[in-house]
Amino acid sequence: MKMRRMIAAAAALTLTAACFTSCGDSEKKDSGNNAATEATTTAVTTDADTTEATEAETTTEAEEEDDEENYDTGDASLDNIRNQDEIGDSELLVISFGTSFNDSRRLTIGAIENALEKAFPDYSVRRGFTANIVIDHVNKRDGILIDDIDAALKRAVDNKVKTLVVQPTHLMNGLEYEEVTGKIAEYSDAFDKVVIGEPLLTSDDDFAKVEKAITEWTKEYDDGETAICFMGHGTEAESNAVYQKMQDLLTADGFKNYYVGTVEATPSVEDVLAKVKEGNYKKVVLEPLMVVAGDHANNDMAGDEEDSWKSIFLAEGYDVECVLRGLGENEDIQKIYVEHAQKAIDSVK
């Protein structure tokens, strides 16, 4: 299994244990390396033929890992990780799952943070990631340490922050969002005032604004011969209904060439493909319905493996174009997060 695919698998296991189900990028755990080392050590005690085979296999695995570690995700030093002290009395803490794709992190999460900083100059904007597996990978690979949610909250306490506003960048009010609210509650007594903003898709008005944002963003492709397919993450929680709700809204509003699916739940890529095949399309455009364009977008959607969305649609004879950009790059999406943070701020005045 390739490194990036193992990253996604490790994240899935981590999120299950921690009751997280939203989209994110992940890293390979050290336990796999330990198990491989133990297996190799045992093999050395067997006959020469077995030893030779084991060494060859280990070499191949190492070469694959080295190759995967060399893929370029951009310059990490260009990203403001926002873990500075000297915060002041009022902090706006932006909580995200995170991604190890440096350019996407800067252009999506970083852009949302910049928009919030511009909108609320009286607040010091800081960052916290919930995915420690992402944090560890970025730290190991790039030597840059991003605060996890505990570190970010402890930093706020140590800096004697009085008013803490937390704005998650989550897509929906799902299990991961609930986990964040629970963690914030553990620290609530440390601040005079603390409040949490809503995720992106909360109200009907939010859905309408996101629909407008993504259809205007992709209108150049809407020529009647192109199916525009958005790939979300998906979750086993009830909040997975947001994807079907977005699909229903698009259809009801006349965006007949737009389709929404998920990686981990329903609608699945097979569901989306079946709908696309009902039309007379020549081309398929794939784009993530995720805040970041990280591992899922680059591999599950646009990867070359046979089970990627790109490969599946190519196999059906479609011309396929992958648009690798996260929702966080869209200024209209950024404005929704600003509106949600404003509502949270207004509630503590």
Protein backbone atom coordinates (compact mmCIF):
# COMPACT_ATOMS: atom_id res chain seq x y z
CA MET A 1 0.00 0.00 0.00
CA LYS A 2 1.40 3.40 -0.93
CA MET A 3 2.30 5.93 1.72
CA ARG A 4 -0.44 8.41 0.92
CA ARG A 5 -3.08 5.68 0.91
CA MET A 6 -1.76 4.48 4.27
CA ILE A 7 -2.05 8.06 5.50
CA ALA A 8 -5.77 8.04 4.71
CA ALA A 9 -6.23 4.61 6.30
CA ALA A 10 -4.45 5.69 9.47
CA ALA A 11 -6.64 8.76 9.70
CA ALA A 12 -9.79 6.67 9.38
CA LEU A 13 -8.69 4.48 12.29
CA THR A 14 -7.73 7.48 14.38
CA LEU A 15 -11.02 9.25 13.75
CA THR A 16 -13.05 6.16 14.59
CA ALA A 17 -11.34 5.83 17.94
CA ALA A 18 -11.85 9.52 18.69
CA CYS A 19 -15.39 9.75 17.26
CA PHE A 20 -14.19 11.94 14.37
CA THR A 21 -15.73 11.50 10.92
CA SER A 22 -15.02 14.62 8.91
CA CYS A 23 -12.67 15.11 6.03
CA GLY A 24 -8.93 15.29 6.59
CA ASP A 25 -5.45 14.19 5.63
CA SER A 26 -3.43 11.70 7.70
CA GLU A 27 -0.06 10.09 8.25
CA LYS A 28 1.33 6.54 8.58
CA LYS A 29 1.76 5.33 12.16
CA ASP A 30 5.05 4.19 13.63
CA SER A 31 3.44 0.95 14.78
CA GLY A 32 3.45 -0.27 11.20
CA ASN A 33 7.20 0.28 11.00
CA ASN A 34 7.71 -1.54 14.31
CA ALA A 35 5.68 -4.51 13.09
CA ALA A 36 7.66 -4.63 9.84
CA THR A 37 10.93 -4.52 11.79
CA GLU A 38 9.83 -7.39 14.07
CA ALA A 39 8.78 -9.44 11.04
CA THR A 40 12.13 -8.86 9.36
CA THR A 41 14.04 -9.77 12.53
CA THR A 42 12.15 -13.05 12.81
CA ALA A 43 12.77 -13.83 9.16
CA VAL A 44 16.53 -13.48 9.57
CA THR A 45 16.56 -16.60 11.76
CA THR A 46 15.10 -18.78 8.97
CA ASP A 47 16.85 -20.34 5.97
CA ALA A 48 18.77 -18.30 3.40
CA ASP A 49 16.04 -18.36 0.75
CA THR A 50 13.44 -16.95 3.13
CA THR A 51 15.88 -14.33 4.35
CA GLU A 52 16.65 -13.22 0.79
CA ALA A 53 12.94 -12.94 -0.03
CA THR A 54 12.26 -10.95 3.13
CA GLU A 55 15.12 -8.55 2.44
CA ALA A 56 13.88 -7.99 -1.11
CA GLU A 57 10.38 -7.27 0.14
CA THR A 58 11.65 -4.90 2.81
CA THR A 59 13.78 -3.05 0.26
CA THR A 60 10.79 -2.64 -2.06
CA GLU A 61 8.63 -1.27 0.77
CA ALA A 62 11.36 1.18 1.77
CA GLU A 63 11.77 2.39 -1.82
CA GLU A 64 8.01 2.93 -2.13
CA GLU A 65 7.93 4.86 1.14
CA ASP A 66 10.88 7.05 0.11
CA ASP A 67 9.19 7.73 -3.22
CA GLU A 68 5.94 8.74 -1.56
CA GLU A 69 7.71 10.98 0.96
CA ASN A 70 9.23 12.93 -1.92
CA TYR A 71 5.95 14.12 -3.41
CA ASP A 72 5.75 17.91 -3.41
CA THR A 73 2.91 19.64 -1.57
CA GLY A 74 4.47 23.12 -1.57
CA ASP A 75 6.64 25.24 0.69
CA ALA A 76 5.56 24.90 4.31
CA SER A 77 7.41 28.08 5.31
CA LEU A 78 4.92 30.20 3.34
CA ASP A 79 2.11 29.19 5.70
CA ASN A 80 1.44 31.25 8.83
CA ILE A 81 0.83 28.60 11.48
CA ARG A 82 -0.44 31.24 13.94
CA ASN A 83 0.99 29.80 17.15
CA GLN A 84 2.43 33.08 18.41
CA ASP A 85 2.04 34.22 22.00
CA GLU A 86 1.24 37.82 23.06
CA ILE A 87 -2.39 37.19 22.18
CA GLY A 88 -4.06 39.83 24.31
CA ASP A 89 -7.47 39.76 25.98
CA SER A 90 -9.47 38.57 22.97
CA GLU A 91 -8.68 35.57 20.78
CA LEU A 92 -10.38 34.08 17.74
CA LEU A 93 -9.23 30.47 17.59
CA VAL A 94 -9.79 28.81 14.20
CA ILE A 95 -10.11 25.04 14.60
CA SER A 96 -9.60 22.78 11.56
CA PHE A 97 -9.01 19.11 10.95
CA GLY A 98 -5.85 20.09 9.07
CA THR A 99 -3.93 18.85 6.05
CA SER A 100 -0.32 17.96 5.32
CA PHE A 101 -0.60 19.45 1.81
CA ASN A 102 1.25 22.71 2.41
CA ASP A 103 -0.05 24.80 -0.50
CA SER A 104 -3.64 23.75 0.07
CA ARG A 105 -3.33 24.47 3.80
CA ARG A 106 -2.14 28.00 3.08
CA LEU A 107 -4.67 28.68 0.31
CA THR A 108 -7.69 27.31 2.21
CA ILE A 109 -7.38 27.26 5.99
CA GLY A 110 -4.87 30.10 5.85
CA ALA A 111 -7.17 32.15 3.62
CA ILE A 112 -10.11 31.65 5.99
CA GLU A 113 -7.92 32.73 8.92
CA ASN A 114 -6.78 35.81 6.97
CA ALA A 115 -10.39 36.75 6.19
CA LEU A 116 -11.31 36.43 9.86
CA GLU A 117 -8.30 38.50 10.91
CA LYS A 118 -9.28 41.25 8.48
CA ALA A 119 -12.90 41.22 9.65
CA PHE A 120 -12.09 41.24 13.37
CA PRO A 121 -8.99 43.39 14.01
CA ASP A 122 -9.71 43.50 17.75
CA TYR A 123 -9.14 39.74 17.99
CA SER A 124 -5.86 37.84 17.72
CA VAL A 125 -6.45 34.98 15.28
CA ARG A 126 -4.76 31.71 16.19
CA ARG A 127 -4.84 28.17 14.75
CA GLY A 128 -5.54 24.72 16.14
CA PHE A 129 -5.73 21.37 14.31
CA THR A 130 -7.63 18.34 15.59
CA ALA A 131 -5.66 15.75 13.58
CA ASN A 132 -2.47 15.02 15.52
CA ILE A 133 -1.43 12.56 12.86
CA VAL A 134 -1.30 15.47 10.38
CA ILE A 135 0.54 17.66 12.87
CA ASP A 136 3.15 14.96 13.50
CA HIS A 137 3.73 14.38 9.78
CA VAL A 138 4.19 18.08 8.98
CA ASN A 139 6.53 18.44 11.96
CA LYS A 140 8.61 15.41 10.94
CA ARG A 141 8.74 16.31 7.25
CA ASP A 142 8.98 20.11 7.38
CA GLY A 143 10.15 20.88 10.92
CA ILE A 144 7.06 23.00 11.56
CA LEU A 145 4.89 22.34 14.63
CA ILE A 146 1.23 23.35 14.43
CA ASP A 147 -0.76 23.52 17.68
CA ASP A 148 -3.25 20.76 18.27
CA ILE A 149 -6.47 21.75 19.99
CA ASP A 150 -5.09 21.14 23.50
CA ALA A 151 -1.92 23.12 22.80
CA ALA A 152 -3.93 25.97 21.30
CA LEU A 153 -6.25 26.12 24.30
CA LYS A 154 -3.36 25.90 26.75
CA ARG A 155 -1.66 28.74 24.88
CA ALA A 156 -4.80 30.83 25.31
CA VAL A 157 -4.87 30.07 29.04
CA ASP A 158 -1.16 30.82 29.48
CA ASN A 159 -1.64 34.13 27.67
CA LYS A 160 -4.50 35.01 30.02
CA VAL A 161 -7.07 35.39 27.26
CA LYS A 162 -10.36 36.67 28.67
CA THR A 163 -12.69 36.31 25.68
CA LEU A 164 -12.26 33.23 23.50
CA VAL A 165 -14.22 32.89 20.27
CA VAL A 166 -13.77 29.53 18.51
CA GLN A 167 -14.62 29.26 14.82
CA PRO A 168 -14.36 25.74 13.37
CA THR A 169 -13.86 25.32 9.63
CA HIS A 170 -15.87 22.09 9.60
CA LEU A 171 -18.34 21.50 6.80
CA MET A 172 -21.15 20.26 9.03
CA ASN A 173 -22.33 19.83 12.60
CA GLY A 174 -21.18 16.22 12.84
CA LEU A 175 -19.28 14.08 15.29
CA GLU A 176 -16.01 15.94 14.81
CA TYR A 177 -17.67 19.29 15.48
CA GLU A 178 -19.28 17.83 18.61
CA GLU A 179 -15.87 16.56 19.72
CA VAL A 180 -14.50 20.09 19.38
CA THR A 181 -17.33 21.59 21.42
CA GLY A 182 -16.71 19.00 24.12
CA LYS A 183 -13.02 19.86 24.27
CA ILE A 184 -13.76 23.59 24.48
CA ALA A 185 -16.15 22.91 27.36
CA GLU A 186 -13.30 21.35 29.34
CA TYR A 187 -11.47 24.70 29.25
CA SER A 188 -14.50 26.99 29.59
CA ASP A 189 -13.82 27.90 33.23
CA ALA A 190 -10.44 29.32 32.24
CA PHE A 191 -11.99 32.25 30.36
CA ASP A 192 -14.41 35.04 31.23
CA LYS A 193 -16.32 34.42 28.02
CA VAL A 194 -16.14 31.59 25.51
CA VAL A 195 -18.35 30.90 22.50
CA ILE A 196 -18.22 28.59 19.47
CA GLY A 197 -19.24 29.54 15.93
CA GLU A 198 -21.28 27.32 13.62
CA PRO A 199 -19.84 25.09 10.87
CA LEU A 200 -20.21 25.96 7.17
CA LEU A 201 -23.47 24.15 6.40
CA THR A 202 -25.81 24.90 9.30
CA SER A 203 -28.88 26.86 8.15
CA ASP A 204 -30.90 26.76 4.94
CA ASP A 205 -29.38 30.16 4.17
CA ASP A 206 -25.92 28.59 4.43
CA PHE A 207 -26.86 25.91 1.90
CA ALA A 208 -28.16 28.54 -0.50
CA LYS A 209 -24.97 30.57 -0.19
CA VAL A 210 -22.72 27.54 -0.68
CA GLU A 211 -24.78 26.47 -3.70
CA LYS A 212 -24.35 29.93 -5.22
CA ALA A 213 -20.62 29.90 -4.46
CA ILE A 214 -19.87 26.53 -6.05
CA THR A 215 -22.08 26.99 -9.11
CA GLU A 216 -20.61 30.41 -9.89
CA TRP A 217 -17.13 28.96 -9.31
CA THR A 218 -17.74 26.26 -11.91
CA LYS A 219 -20.12 27.96 -14.36
CA GLU A 220 -17.49 27.88 -17.13
CA TYR A 221 -17.91 24.10 -17.24
CA ASP A 222 -21.71 24.12 -17.32
CA ASP A 223 -22.12 23.76 -21.09
CA GLY A 224 -24.75 21.03 -21.15
CA GLU A 225 -22.24 18.40 -22.23
CA THR A 226 -20.27 18.31 -18.98
CA ALA A 227 -21.22 16.66 -15.69
CA ILE A 228 -19.86 18.67 -12.75
CA CYS A 229 -19.28 16.27 -9.86
CA PHE A 230 -18.38 17.35 -6.33
CA MET A 231 -16.75 14.83 -4.01
CA GLY A 232 -17.37 15.20 -0.27
CA HIS A 233 -15.89 13.10 2.51
CA GLY A 234 -18.98 11.49 3.96
CA THR A 235 -19.73 10.18 7.45
CA GLU A 236 -21.74 7.43 9.09
CA ALA A 237 -23.40 10.03 11.30
CA GLU A 238 -26.80 11.55 10.58
CA SER A 239 -25.06 14.72 9.43
CA ASN A 240 -24.17 12.88 6.21
CA ALA A 241 -27.59 14.05 5.03
CA VAL A 242 -26.05 17.41 4.11
CA TYR A 243 -24.72 15.90 0.87
CA GLN A 244 -28.11 14.70 -0.31
CA LYS A 245 -29.62 18.00 0.79
CA MET A 246 -27.10 19.88 -1.35
CA GLN A 247 -27.86 17.56 -4.29
CA ASP A 248 -31.59 18.11 -3.89
CA LEU A 249 -31.11 21.88 -3.73
CA LEU A 250 -28.98 21.92 -6.87
CA THR A 251 -31.52 19.83 -8.76
CA ALA A 252 -34.49 21.89 -7.56
CA ASP A 253 -32.77 25.13 -8.58
CA GLY A 254 -32.15 23.92 -12.13
CA PHE A 255 -28.51 22.89 -11.88
CA LYS A 256 -29.21 19.63 -13.69
CA ASN A 257 -25.57 18.98 -14.61
CA TYR A 258 -24.35 19.06 -10.99
CA TYR A 259 -23.82 15.95 -8.88
CA VAL A 260 -22.70 15.41 -5.28
CA GLY A 261 -21.12 12.25 -3.88
CA THR A 262 -18.84 11.12 -1.06
CA VAL A 263 -15.73 9.02 -0.50
CA GLU A 264 -16.80 7.25 2.68
CA ALA A 265 -20.60 7.18 2.61
CA THR A 266 -23.57 7.89 0.35
CA PRO A 267 -24.10 9.01 -2.31
CA SER A 268 -21.12 6.91 -3.42
CA VAL A 269 -19.09 7.28 -6.60
CA GLU A 270 -21.18 4.43 -8.04
CA ASP A 271 -24.34 6.41 -7.28
CA VAL A 272 -22.90 9.49 -8.96
CA LEU A 273 -21.71 7.49 -11.97
CA ALA A 274 -25.17 5.98 -12.43
CA LYS A 275 -26.74 9.45 -12.48
CA VAL A 276 -24.13 10.78 -14.90
CA LYS A 277 -24.70 7.85 -17.26
CA GLU A 278 -28.37 8.83 -17.48
CA GLY A 279 -27.30 12.01 -19.28
CA ASN A 280 -25.58 12.57 -22.62
CA TYR A 281 -22.32 13.85 -21.22
CA LYS A 282 -18.98 13.81 -23.01
CA LYS A 283 -16.92 15.27 -20.18
CA VAL A 284 -16.80 15.02 -16.38
CA VAL A 285 -15.31 17.69 -14.12
CA LEU A 286 -14.34 16.52 -10.62
CA GLU A 287 -13.91 18.90 -7.71
CA PRO A 288 -13.74 18.37 -3.93
CA LEU A 289 -16.63 19.48 -1.75
CA MET A 290 -14.13 19.86 1.07
CA VAL A 291 -12.51 22.84 2.76
CA VAL A 292 -9.03 21.66 1.71
CA ALA A 293 -7.71 19.86 -1.36
CA GLY A 294 -5.62 17.33 0.49
CA ASP A 295 -5.15 13.57 0.40
CA HIS A 296 -8.72 12.69 -0.55
CA ALA A 297 -8.81 15.22 -3.37
CA ASN A 298 -5.39 14.35 -4.74
CA ASN A 299 -5.70 10.58 -4.42
CA ASP A 300 -9.28 9.35 -3.97
CA MET A 301 -10.56 11.86 -6.49
CA ALA A 302 -7.70 12.70 -8.86
CA GLY A 303 -5.30 9.80 -8.30
CA ASP A 304 -4.19 7.27 -10.89
CA GLU A 305 -5.19 4.17 -8.94
CA GLU A 306 -8.04 2.19 -10.46
CA ASP A 307 -10.49 2.97 -7.66
CA SER A 308 -10.10 6.76 -7.85
CA TRP A 309 -13.01 8.82 -9.16
CA LYS A 310 -10.89 9.93 -12.10
CA SER A 311 -10.02 6.38 -13.09
CA ILE A 312 -13.60 5.17 -12.71
CA PHE A 313 -14.99 7.87 -15.02
CA LEU A 314 -12.12 7.44 -17.51
CA ALA A 315 -12.91 3.73 -17.67
CA GLU A 316 -16.45 4.64 -18.71
CA GLY A 317 -15.12 6.63 -21.65
CA TYR A 318 -15.53 10.17 -20.34
CA ASP A 319 -13.06 13.00 -20.81
CA VAL A 320 -12.14 13.86 -17.21
CA GLU A 321 -10.80 17.09 -15.71
CA CYS A 322 -9.87 17.33 -12.03
CA VAL A 323 -10.01 20.73 -10.36
CA LEU A 324 -7.79 20.53 -7.28
CA ARG A 325 -8.92 23.37 -5.05
CA GLY A 326 -10.59 23.39 -1.66
CA LEU A 327 -13.70 25.35 -0.72
CA GLY A 328 -11.56 27.49 1.58
CA GLU A 329 -10.06 29.17 -1.49
CA ASN A 330 -13.45 30.60 -2.43
CA GLU A 331 -14.00 34.14 -1.12
CA ASP A 332 -17.76 33.62 -0.82
CA ILE A 333 -17.15 30.56 1.36
CA GLN A 334 -14.74 32.58 3.48
CA LYS A 335 -17.48 35.20 3.97
CA ILE A 336 -19.81 32.55 5.42
CA TYR A 337 -17.22 31.69 8.08
CA VAL A 338 -16.86 35.40 8.83
CA GLU A 339 -20.64 35.67 9.23
CA HIS A 340 -20.70 32.72 11.60
CA ALA A 341 -17.85 34.18 13.66
CA GLN A 342 -19.67 37.54 13.76
CA LYS A 343 -22.77 35.83 15.09
CA ALA A 344 -20.67 34.15 17.79
CA ILE A 345 -18.97 37.42 18.71
CA ASP A 346 -22.30 39.24 18.89
CA SER A 347 -23.54 36.64 21.37
CA VAL A 348 -20.86 37.50 23.94
CA LYS A 349 -21.24 41.28 23.82
